[in-house]
Amino acid sequence: MTGPAPGRRLRWLAALALVLALAAGLLAAGAGQAPRPAERGPPVRLFTEEELARYGGEEEDQPIYMAVKGVVFDVTSGKEFYGRGAPYNALTGKDSTRGVAKMSLDPADLTHDTTGLTSEELESLDDVFTKVYKAKYPIVGYTARRILNEDGSPNLDFKPEDQPHFDIKDEF
């Protein structure tokens, strides 16, 4: 008998990682922090690189997504910046963390890899991540790379960003 298909294993591991992260959040909430009222939004998804590439702004009827630090944002409301032919379209449909940190649209910088970034670039990345993307655009998911380690095991350091509408039942 063979084991589960790789896609099912990936979803199971992602679900496990999310459950662990949510359990940690519930413990923190029980330690005196008041939970936020639940707002409903679109379900949060896990994106492979191939799935994220489908949302690069080329299709008029599709939302436009980009990832920074493994968090996938819906930047459709900024279509004039991120849509087809727009100045920042190169950032969409992928995890462009390095490009955001370096303020670069060079194709070599349009990657998740932060290896070798300076402390100033990392500080800029955190600043733009918080003050631009998290403040302005809804989070629609996470990249598989953020939730799972290279070997497919759950990333125990994964912590969902602020998600008042996050409900594990809707996700898998």
N, C-alpha and C. Protein backbone atom coordinates (compact mmCIF):
# COMPACT_ATOMS: atom_id res chain seq x y z
N MET A 1 0.85 -1.18 0.00
CA MET A 1 0.00 0.00 0.00
C MET A 1 0.88 1.24 0.00
N THR A 2 0.53 2.22 -0.80
CA THR A 2 1.34 3.43 -0.88
C THR A 2 0.80 4.48 0.07
N GLY A 3 1.63 5.50 0.36
CA GLY A 3 1.24 6.59 1.26
C GLY A 3 0.35 7.58 0.54
N PRO A 4 -0.06 8.64 1.25
CA PRO A 4 -0.93 9.63 0.64
C PRO A 4 -0.22 10.36 -0.50
N ALA A 5 -0.99 10.84 -1.45
CA ALA A 5 -0.44 11.60 -2.58
C ALA A 5 0.26 12.84 -2.06
N PRO A 6 1.30 13.32 -2.76
CA PRO A 6 2.05 14.49 -2.29
C PRO A 6 1.17 15.70 -2.02
N GLY A 7 0.16 15.96 -2.86
CA GLY A 7 -0.73 17.10 -2.65
C GLY A 7 -1.51 16.98 -1.35
N ARG A 8 -1.98 15.78 -1.06
CA ARG A 8 -2.73 15.56 0.19
C ARG A 8 -1.79 15.70 1.38
N ARG A 9 -0.56 15.21 1.25
CA ARG A 9 0.41 15.31 2.34
C ARG A 9 0.72 16.78 2.62
N LEU A 10 0.89 17.57 1.54
CA LEU A 10 1.18 18.99 1.69
C LEU A 10 0.04 19.69 2.42
N ARG A 11 -1.19 19.42 2.04
CA ARG A 11 -2.34 20.04 2.71
C ARG A 11 -2.41 19.60 4.17
N TRP A 12 -2.16 18.32 4.42
CA TRP A 12 -2.22 17.83 5.80
C TRP A 12 -1.15 18.51 6.65
N LEU A 13 0.06 18.62 6.12
CA LEU A 13 1.13 19.26 6.87
C LEU A 13 0.85 20.75 7.07
N ALA A 14 0.30 21.39 6.06
CA ALA A 14 -0.04 22.80 6.20
C ALA A 14 -1.13 22.97 7.25
N ALA A 15 -2.12 22.09 7.23
CA ALA A 15 -3.19 22.17 8.23
C ALA A 15 -2.62 21.97 9.63
N LEU A 16 -1.69 21.03 9.78
CA LEU A 16 -1.06 20.80 11.07
C LEU A 16 -0.31 22.04 11.55
N ALA A 17 0.44 22.66 10.64
CA ALA A 17 1.18 23.88 11.00
C ALA A 17 0.23 24.99 11.42
N LEU A 18 -0.87 25.13 10.70
CA LEU A 18 -1.84 26.17 11.05
C LEU A 18 -2.50 25.89 12.39
N VAL A 19 -2.84 24.64 12.65
CA VAL A 19 -3.44 24.28 13.93
C VAL A 19 -2.49 24.61 15.08
N LEU A 20 -1.21 24.28 14.91
CA LEU A 20 -0.22 24.58 15.95
C LEU A 20 -0.11 26.09 16.17
N ALA A 21 -0.08 26.85 15.10
CA ALA A 21 0.02 28.31 15.22
C ALA A 21 -1.23 28.88 15.87
N LEU A 22 -2.39 28.38 15.49
CA LEU A 22 -3.63 28.88 16.09
C LEU A 22 -3.73 28.50 17.56
N ALA A 23 -3.28 27.32 17.92
CA ALA A 23 -3.31 26.91 19.32
C ALA A 23 -2.43 27.83 20.16
N ALA A 24 -1.28 28.21 19.64
CA ALA A 24 -0.41 29.14 20.36
C ALA A 24 -1.11 30.48 20.52
N GLY A 25 -1.84 30.93 19.50
CA GLY A 25 -2.57 32.19 19.58
C GLY A 25 -3.70 32.12 20.60
N LEU A 26 -4.38 30.98 20.68
CA LEU A 26 -5.45 30.83 21.66
C LEU A 26 -4.91 30.86 23.08
N LEU A 27 -3.73 30.26 23.29
CA LEU A 27 -3.11 30.31 24.61
C LEU A 27 -2.77 31.74 24.98
N ALA A 28 -2.25 32.51 24.03
CA ALA A 28 -1.93 33.90 24.30
C ALA A 28 -3.19 34.69 24.59
N ALA A 29 -4.28 34.40 23.87
CA ALA A 29 -5.54 35.11 24.10
C ALA A 29 -6.08 34.79 25.49
N GLY A 30 -5.88 33.57 25.94
CA GLY A 30 -6.34 33.18 27.27
C GLY A 30 -5.50 33.79 28.38
N ALA A 31 -4.36 34.37 28.03
CA ALA A 31 -3.47 34.95 29.02
C ALA A 31 -3.73 36.44 29.21
N GLY A 32 -4.99 36.86 29.00
CA GLY A 32 -5.34 38.24 29.30
C GLY A 32 -5.54 39.13 28.09
N GLN A 33 -5.24 38.65 26.89
CA GLN A 33 -5.45 39.47 25.71
C GLN A 33 -6.86 39.23 25.20
N ALA A 34 -7.60 40.29 24.98
CA ALA A 34 -8.97 40.15 24.49
C ALA A 34 -8.96 39.82 23.00
N PRO A 35 -9.71 38.78 22.59
CA PRO A 35 -9.76 38.46 21.17
C PRO A 35 -10.55 39.52 20.41
N ARG A 36 -10.18 39.70 19.14
CA ARG A 36 -10.90 40.65 18.29
C ARG A 36 -12.21 40.03 17.83
N PRO A 37 -13.20 40.88 17.58
CA PRO A 37 -14.44 40.32 17.01
C PRO A 37 -14.16 39.76 15.63
N ALA A 38 -14.82 38.67 15.30
CA ALA A 38 -14.58 38.00 14.02
C ALA A 38 -15.21 38.78 12.88
N GLU A 39 -14.41 39.10 11.88
CA GLU A 39 -14.90 39.69 10.64
C GLU A 39 -14.69 38.62 9.58
N ARG A 40 -15.65 38.48 8.71
CA ARG A 40 -15.51 37.46 7.67
C ARG A 40 -14.90 38.08 6.43
N GLY A 41 -14.02 37.37 5.85
CA GLY A 41 -13.39 37.79 4.61
C GLY A 41 -13.17 36.55 3.78
N PRO A 42 -12.45 36.67 2.70
CA PRO A 42 -12.19 35.48 1.90
C PRO A 42 -11.30 34.51 2.67
N PRO A 43 -11.49 33.21 2.44
CA PRO A 43 -10.64 32.25 3.14
C PRO A 43 -9.17 32.45 2.81
N VAL A 44 -8.32 32.20 3.77
CA VAL A 44 -6.88 32.29 3.57
C VAL A 44 -6.42 30.98 2.93
N ARG A 45 -5.55 31.09 1.92
CA ARG A 45 -5.12 29.92 1.17
C ARG A 45 -3.62 29.69 1.27
N LEU A 46 -3.23 28.50 0.93
CA LEU A 46 -1.83 28.13 0.78
C LEU A 46 -1.53 28.14 -0.72
N PHE A 47 -0.50 28.90 -1.14
CA PHE A 47 -0.17 29.04 -2.55
C PHE A 47 1.17 28.39 -2.86
N THR A 48 1.19 27.55 -3.89
CA THR A 48 2.46 27.09 -4.44
C THR A 48 2.94 28.21 -5.38
N GLU A 49 4.19 28.13 -5.82
CA GLU A 49 4.70 29.14 -6.76
C GLU A 49 3.88 29.15 -8.04
N GLU A 50 3.48 27.97 -8.52
CA GLU A 50 2.70 27.88 -9.75
C GLU A 50 1.32 28.52 -9.58
N GLU A 51 0.68 28.29 -8.43
CA GLU A 51 -0.63 28.88 -8.20
C GLU A 51 -0.55 30.40 -8.11
N LEU A 52 0.45 30.90 -7.40
CA LEU A 52 0.61 32.34 -7.25
C LEU A 52 0.87 33.01 -8.59
N ALA A 53 1.59 32.33 -9.46
CA ALA A 53 1.92 32.88 -10.79
C ALA A 53 0.67 33.15 -11.63
N ARG A 54 -0.44 32.50 -11.32
CA ARG A 54 -1.70 32.72 -12.06
C ARG A 54 -2.30 34.09 -11.79
N TYR A 55 -1.84 34.76 -10.75
CA TYR A 55 -2.43 36.03 -10.33
C TYR A 55 -1.47 37.20 -10.54
N GLY A 56 -0.81 37.21 -11.68
CA GLY A 56 0.18 38.23 -11.98
C GLY A 56 -0.35 39.46 -12.70
N GLY A 57 -1.68 39.61 -12.76
CA GLY A 57 -2.24 40.82 -13.36
C GLY A 57 -2.44 40.77 -14.85
N GLU A 58 -2.20 39.64 -15.47
CA GLU A 58 -2.35 39.54 -16.92
C GLU A 58 -3.80 39.38 -17.35
N GLU A 59 -4.61 38.74 -16.52
CA GLU A 59 -6.02 38.50 -16.84
C GLU A 59 -6.88 39.59 -16.23
N GLU A 60 -7.72 40.23 -17.03
CA GLU A 60 -8.57 41.32 -16.56
C GLU A 60 -9.53 40.89 -15.47
N ASP A 61 -10.04 39.67 -15.54
CA ASP A 61 -11.07 39.22 -14.59
C ASP A 61 -10.49 38.51 -13.36
N GLN A 62 -9.18 38.45 -13.23
CA GLN A 62 -8.52 37.79 -12.10
C GLN A 62 -8.03 38.82 -11.09
N PRO A 63 -8.05 38.48 -9.80
CA PRO A 63 -7.40 39.37 -8.83
C PRO A 63 -5.89 39.38 -9.05
N ILE A 64 -5.23 40.37 -8.49
CA ILE A 64 -3.78 40.50 -8.62
C ILE A 64 -3.18 40.25 -7.24
N TYR A 65 -2.28 39.25 -7.16
CA TYR A 65 -1.66 38.88 -5.89
C TYR A 65 -0.15 39.04 -5.99
N MET A 66 0.44 39.35 -4.86
CA MET A 66 1.90 39.31 -4.72
C MET A 66 2.21 38.89 -3.30
N ALA A 67 3.37 38.30 -3.10
CA ALA A 67 3.77 37.88 -1.77
C ALA A 67 5.00 38.66 -1.33
N VAL A 68 5.01 38.98 -0.05
CA VAL A 68 6.16 39.60 0.60
C VAL A 68 6.34 38.85 1.91
N LYS A 69 7.55 38.36 2.14
CA LYS A 69 7.85 37.57 3.35
C LYS A 69 6.92 36.36 3.49
N GLY A 70 6.52 35.80 2.34
CA GLY A 70 5.68 34.61 2.35
C GLY A 70 4.21 34.87 2.61
N VAL A 71 3.82 36.12 2.76
CA VAL A 71 2.42 36.49 2.97
C VAL A 71 1.87 36.98 1.63
N VAL A 72 0.75 36.39 1.20
CA VAL A 72 0.17 36.74 -0.10
C VAL A 72 -0.89 37.82 0.10
N PHE A 73 -0.70 38.95 -0.59
CA PHE A 73 -1.60 40.08 -0.51
C PHE A 73 -2.39 40.22 -1.80
N ASP A 74 -3.64 40.65 -1.68
CA ASP A 74 -4.47 40.98 -2.84
C ASP A 74 -4.25 42.46 -3.12
N VAL A 75 -3.50 42.77 -4.16
CA VAL A 75 -3.17 44.16 -4.50
C VAL A 75 -4.04 44.68 -5.66
N THR A 76 -5.16 44.01 -5.90
CA THR A 76 -6.04 44.39 -7.00
C THR A 76 -6.51 45.83 -6.88
N SER A 77 -6.74 46.32 -5.67
CA SER A 77 -7.20 47.70 -5.51
C SER A 77 -6.14 48.69 -5.97
N GLY A 78 -4.91 48.27 -6.10
CA GLY A 78 -3.83 49.10 -6.62
C GLY A 78 -3.50 48.74 -8.06
N LYS A 79 -4.53 48.40 -8.82
CA LYS A 79 -4.34 47.94 -10.20
C LYS A 79 -3.51 48.91 -11.04
N GLU A 80 -3.65 50.22 -10.77
CA GLU A 80 -2.88 51.20 -11.54
C GLU A 80 -1.38 51.08 -11.27
N PHE A 81 -1.00 50.44 -10.17
CA PHE A 81 0.41 50.21 -9.85
C PHE A 81 0.85 48.80 -10.19
N TYR A 82 -0.06 47.81 -10.03
CA TYR A 82 0.32 46.40 -10.13
C TYR A 82 -0.27 45.66 -11.32
N GLY A 83 -1.21 46.26 -12.04
CA GLY A 83 -1.85 45.60 -13.17
C GLY A 83 -0.93 45.47 -14.38
N ARG A 84 -1.46 44.87 -15.43
CA ARG A 84 -0.70 44.67 -16.67
C ARG A 84 -0.19 46.02 -17.19
N GLY A 85 1.10 46.11 -17.46
CA GLY A 85 1.71 47.32 -17.97
C GLY A 85 1.98 48.40 -16.93
N ALA A 86 1.60 48.16 -15.68
CA ALA A 86 1.78 49.14 -14.61
C ALA A 86 3.22 49.08 -14.08
N PRO A 87 3.66 50.14 -13.40
CA PRO A 87 5.07 50.21 -12.99
C PRO A 87 5.57 49.07 -12.10
N TYR A 88 4.70 48.52 -11.23
CA TYR A 88 5.15 47.48 -10.30
C TYR A 88 4.60 46.10 -10.65
N ASN A 89 4.14 45.91 -11.88
CA ASN A 89 3.60 44.62 -12.29
C ASN A 89 4.62 43.50 -12.15
N ALA A 90 5.90 43.80 -12.28
CA ALA A 90 6.94 42.77 -12.18
C ALA A 90 6.94 42.10 -10.80
N LEU A 91 6.41 42.77 -9.77
CA LEU A 91 6.38 42.22 -8.42
C LEU A 91 5.27 41.19 -8.22
N THR A 92 4.28 41.16 -9.11
CA THR A 92 3.09 40.35 -8.88
C THR A 92 3.26 38.92 -9.36
N GLY A 93 2.41 38.05 -8.79
CA GLY A 93 2.41 36.65 -9.19
C GLY A 93 3.57 35.84 -8.62
N LYS A 94 4.25 36.41 -7.63
CA LYS A 94 5.42 35.72 -7.04
C LYS A 94 5.70 36.31 -5.66
N ASP A 95 6.61 35.69 -4.95
CA ASP A 95 7.10 36.25 -3.69
C ASP A 95 8.27 37.16 -4.05
N SER A 96 8.07 38.46 -3.93
CA SER A 96 9.05 39.47 -4.35
C SER A 96 9.74 40.11 -3.16
N THR A 97 9.97 39.36 -2.11
CA THR A 97 10.53 39.90 -0.88
C THR A 97 11.85 40.63 -1.11
N ARG A 98 12.76 40.02 -1.83
CA ARG A 98 14.07 40.64 -2.06
C ARG A 98 13.93 41.96 -2.83
N GLY A 99 13.07 41.97 -3.85
CA GLY A 99 12.85 43.18 -4.63
C GLY A 99 12.28 44.31 -3.78
N VAL A 100 11.35 43.98 -2.88
CA VAL A 100 10.78 44.99 -1.99
C VAL A 100 11.86 45.51 -1.05
N ALA A 101 12.68 44.64 -0.51
CA ALA A 101 13.75 45.04 0.42
C ALA A 101 14.75 45.96 -0.25
N LYS A 102 15.08 45.65 -1.50
CA LYS A 102 16.09 46.42 -2.22
C LYS A 102 15.49 47.56 -3.05
N MET A 103 14.14 47.66 -3.04
CA MET A 103 13.46 48.63 -3.90
C MET A 103 13.93 48.45 -5.34
N SER A 104 13.88 47.18 -5.79
CA SER A 104 14.41 46.81 -7.10
C SER A 104 13.38 46.05 -7.91
N LEU A 105 13.35 46.32 -9.19
CA LEU A 105 12.53 45.55 -10.13
C LEU A 105 13.38 44.68 -11.03
N ASP A 106 14.66 44.58 -10.70
CA ASP A 106 15.58 43.72 -11.46
C ASP A 106 15.07 42.28 -11.34
N PRO A 107 14.88 41.58 -12.45
CA PRO A 107 14.38 40.20 -12.39
C PRO A 107 15.16 39.31 -11.42
N ALA A 108 16.45 39.54 -11.24
CA ALA A 108 17.25 38.73 -10.32
C ALA A 108 16.83 38.96 -8.86
N ASP A 109 16.21 40.10 -8.58
CA ASP A 109 15.79 40.42 -7.21
C ASP A 109 14.34 40.03 -6.92
N LEU A 110 13.62 39.54 -7.90
CA LEU A 110 12.21 39.20 -7.71
C LEU A 110 12.08 37.77 -7.19
N THR A 111 12.48 37.60 -5.94
CA THR A 111 12.53 36.28 -5.31
C THR A 111 12.24 36.42 -3.81
N HIS A 112 12.00 35.28 -3.19
CA HIS A 112 11.78 35.23 -1.74
C HIS A 112 13.11 35.30 -0.98
N ASP A 113 14.20 35.02 -1.64
CA ASP A 113 15.50 34.85 -0.99
C ASP A 113 16.04 36.18 -0.43
N THR A 114 16.31 36.19 0.86
CA THR A 114 16.84 37.40 1.52
C THR A 114 18.32 37.25 1.87
N THR A 115 18.96 36.20 1.40
CA THR A 115 20.36 35.96 1.68
C THR A 115 21.21 37.15 1.24
N GLY A 116 22.06 37.64 2.14
CA GLY A 116 22.99 38.69 1.80
C GLY A 116 22.44 40.11 1.86
N LEU A 117 21.18 40.27 2.25
CA LEU A 117 20.64 41.63 2.37
C LEU A 117 21.30 42.34 3.54
N THR A 118 21.49 43.64 3.40
CA THR A 118 22.09 44.43 4.48
C THR A 118 21.07 44.67 5.58
N SER A 119 21.53 45.11 6.73
CA SER A 119 20.60 45.40 7.83
C SER A 119 19.65 46.53 7.44
N GLU A 120 20.13 47.49 6.65
CA GLU A 120 19.27 48.59 6.19
C GLU A 120 18.18 48.05 5.26
N GLU A 121 18.54 47.13 4.37
CA GLU A 121 17.56 46.55 3.46
C GLU A 121 16.53 45.72 4.22
N LEU A 122 16.96 44.99 5.22
CA LEU A 122 16.03 44.20 6.04
C LEU A 122 15.10 45.11 6.84
N GLU A 123 15.64 46.20 7.34
CA GLU A 123 14.82 47.17 8.07
C GLU A 123 13.80 47.81 7.13
N SER A 124 14.21 48.15 5.93
CA SER A 124 13.31 48.71 4.92
C SER A 124 12.21 47.70 4.58
N LEU A 125 12.58 46.44 4.44
CA LEU A 125 11.62 45.39 4.15
C LEU A 125 10.54 45.33 5.23
N ASP A 126 10.95 45.30 6.49
CA ASP A 126 9.99 45.23 7.58
C ASP A 126 9.08 46.45 7.59
N ASP A 127 9.66 47.61 7.32
CA ASP A 127 8.91 48.86 7.32
C ASP A 127 7.85 48.86 6.21
N VAL A 128 8.24 48.51 4.99
CA VAL A 128 7.31 48.49 3.86
C VAL A 128 6.27 47.38 4.06
N PHE A 129 6.69 46.24 4.56
CA PHE A 129 5.78 45.12 4.82
C PHE A 129 4.65 45.57 5.75
N THR A 130 5.01 46.25 6.84
CA THR A 130 4.03 46.67 7.84
C THR A 130 3.25 47.90 7.41
N LYS A 131 3.94 48.93 6.95
CA LYS A 131 3.29 50.21 6.70
C LYS A 131 2.63 50.33 5.34
N VAL A 132 2.99 49.47 4.41
CA VAL A 132 2.36 49.52 3.09
C VAL A 132 1.47 48.30 2.90
N TYR A 133 2.07 47.12 2.84
CA TYR A 133 1.29 45.96 2.46
C TYR A 133 0.28 45.54 3.52
N LYS A 134 0.71 45.36 4.76
CA LYS A 134 -0.25 44.95 5.80
C LYS A 134 -1.28 46.03 6.08
N ALA A 135 -0.89 47.29 5.96
CA ALA A 135 -1.81 48.39 6.25
C ALA A 135 -2.82 48.61 5.13
N LYS A 136 -2.46 48.27 3.91
CA LYS A 136 -3.27 48.67 2.77
C LYS A 136 -4.00 47.52 2.05
N TYR A 137 -3.42 46.33 2.05
CA TYR A 137 -3.96 45.25 1.23
C TYR A 137 -4.37 44.05 2.07
N PRO A 138 -5.49 43.40 1.70
CA PRO A 138 -5.91 42.21 2.45
C PRO A 138 -4.97 41.02 2.22
N ILE A 139 -4.79 40.26 3.27
CA ILE A 139 -4.01 39.02 3.20
C ILE A 139 -4.94 37.92 2.72
N VAL A 140 -4.52 37.22 1.66
CA VAL A 140 -5.35 36.15 1.12
C VAL A 140 -4.72 34.78 1.30
N GLY A 141 -3.49 34.73 1.78
CA GLY A 141 -2.85 33.44 1.98
C GLY A 141 -1.38 33.54 2.29
N TYR A 142 -0.75 32.40 2.20
CA TYR A 142 0.67 32.26 2.49
C TYR A 142 1.30 31.38 1.43
N THR A 143 2.58 31.59 1.20
CA THR A 143 3.27 30.71 0.27
C THR A 143 3.57 29.40 0.99
N ALA A 144 3.61 28.32 0.23
CA ALA A 144 3.92 27.02 0.81
C ALA A 144 5.26 27.06 1.52
N ARG A 145 6.20 27.84 0.97
CA ARG A 145 7.54 27.96 1.54
C ARG A 145 7.48 28.53 2.97
N ARG A 146 6.54 29.41 3.27
CA ARG A 146 6.45 30.01 4.60
C ARG A 146 5.89 29.02 5.63
N ILE A 147 5.00 28.15 5.20
CA ILE A 147 4.33 27.23 6.12
C ILE A 147 5.09 25.93 6.29
N LEU A 148 5.79 25.51 5.23
CA LEU A 148 6.49 24.23 5.28
C LEU A 148 7.99 24.42 5.12
N ASN A 149 8.75 23.57 5.77
CA ASN A 149 10.20 23.55 5.58
C ASN A 149 10.52 22.87 4.26
N GLU A 150 11.78 22.98 3.84
CA GLU A 150 12.21 22.38 2.57
C GLU A 150 11.90 20.89 2.49
N ASP A 151 11.96 20.18 3.62
CA ASP A 151 11.71 18.74 3.61
C ASP A 151 10.22 18.39 3.68
N GLY A 152 9.34 19.42 3.69
CA GLY A 152 7.91 19.18 3.73
C GLY A 152 7.34 19.13 5.14
N SER A 153 8.19 19.20 6.14
CA SER A 153 7.69 19.19 7.52
C SER A 153 7.13 20.56 7.88
N PRO A 154 6.21 20.64 8.85
CA PRO A 154 5.63 21.93 9.22
C PRO A 154 6.68 22.88 9.79
N ASN A 155 6.58 24.13 9.43
CA ASN A 155 7.44 25.17 9.98
C ASN A 155 6.83 25.58 11.32
N LEU A 156 7.42 25.15 12.41
CA LEU A 156 6.86 25.42 13.73
C LEU A 156 6.98 26.88 14.12
N ASP A 157 7.77 27.67 13.38
CA ASP A 157 7.87 29.10 13.64
C ASP A 157 6.80 29.90 12.90
N PHE A 158 5.97 29.23 12.09
CA PHE A 158 4.94 29.92 11.34
C PHE A 158 3.92 30.55 12.29
N LYS A 159 3.66 31.82 12.07
CA LYS A 159 2.63 32.52 12.84
C LYS A 159 1.79 33.31 11.84
N PRO A 160 0.48 33.05 11.78
CA PRO A 160 -0.35 33.82 10.85
C PRO A 160 -0.29 35.30 11.19
N GLU A 161 -0.30 36.13 10.17
CA GLU A 161 -0.39 37.57 10.39
C GLU A 161 -1.76 37.86 10.98
N ASP A 162 -1.99 39.09 11.39
CA ASP A 162 -3.28 39.47 11.96
C ASP A 162 -4.39 39.10 10.98
N GLN A 163 -5.24 38.20 11.40
CA GLN A 163 -6.31 37.70 10.55
C GLN A 163 -7.61 37.63 11.35
N PRO A 164 -8.34 38.71 11.49
CA PRO A 164 -9.56 38.63 12.28
C PRO A 164 -10.57 37.66 11.69
N HIS A 165 -10.49 37.37 10.41
CA HIS A 165 -11.44 36.47 9.77
C HIS A 165 -10.91 35.05 9.62
N PHE A 166 -9.74 34.77 10.16
CA PHE A 166 -9.11 33.47 9.95
C PHE A 166 -9.86 32.38 10.72
N ASP A 167 -10.29 31.36 10.01
CA ASP A 167 -10.99 30.23 10.60
C ASP A 167 -10.49 28.96 9.92
N ILE A 168 -9.81 28.12 10.67
CA ILE A 168 -9.18 26.92 10.10
C ILE A 168 -10.19 26.06 9.34
N LYS A 169 -11.45 26.04 9.74
CA LYS A 169 -12.45 25.21 9.07
C LYS A 169 -12.64 25.63 7.62
N ASP A 170 -12.44 26.92 7.33
CA ASP A 170 -12.65 27.41 5.98
C ASP A 170 -11.46 27.18 5.07
N GLU A 171 -10.33 26.86 5.64
CA GLU A 171 -9.11 26.86 4.88
C GLU A 171 -8.80 25.56 4.16
N PHE A 172 -9.23 24.43 4.70
CA PHE A 172 -8.86 23.14 4.08
C PHE A 172 -10.05 22.25 3.94
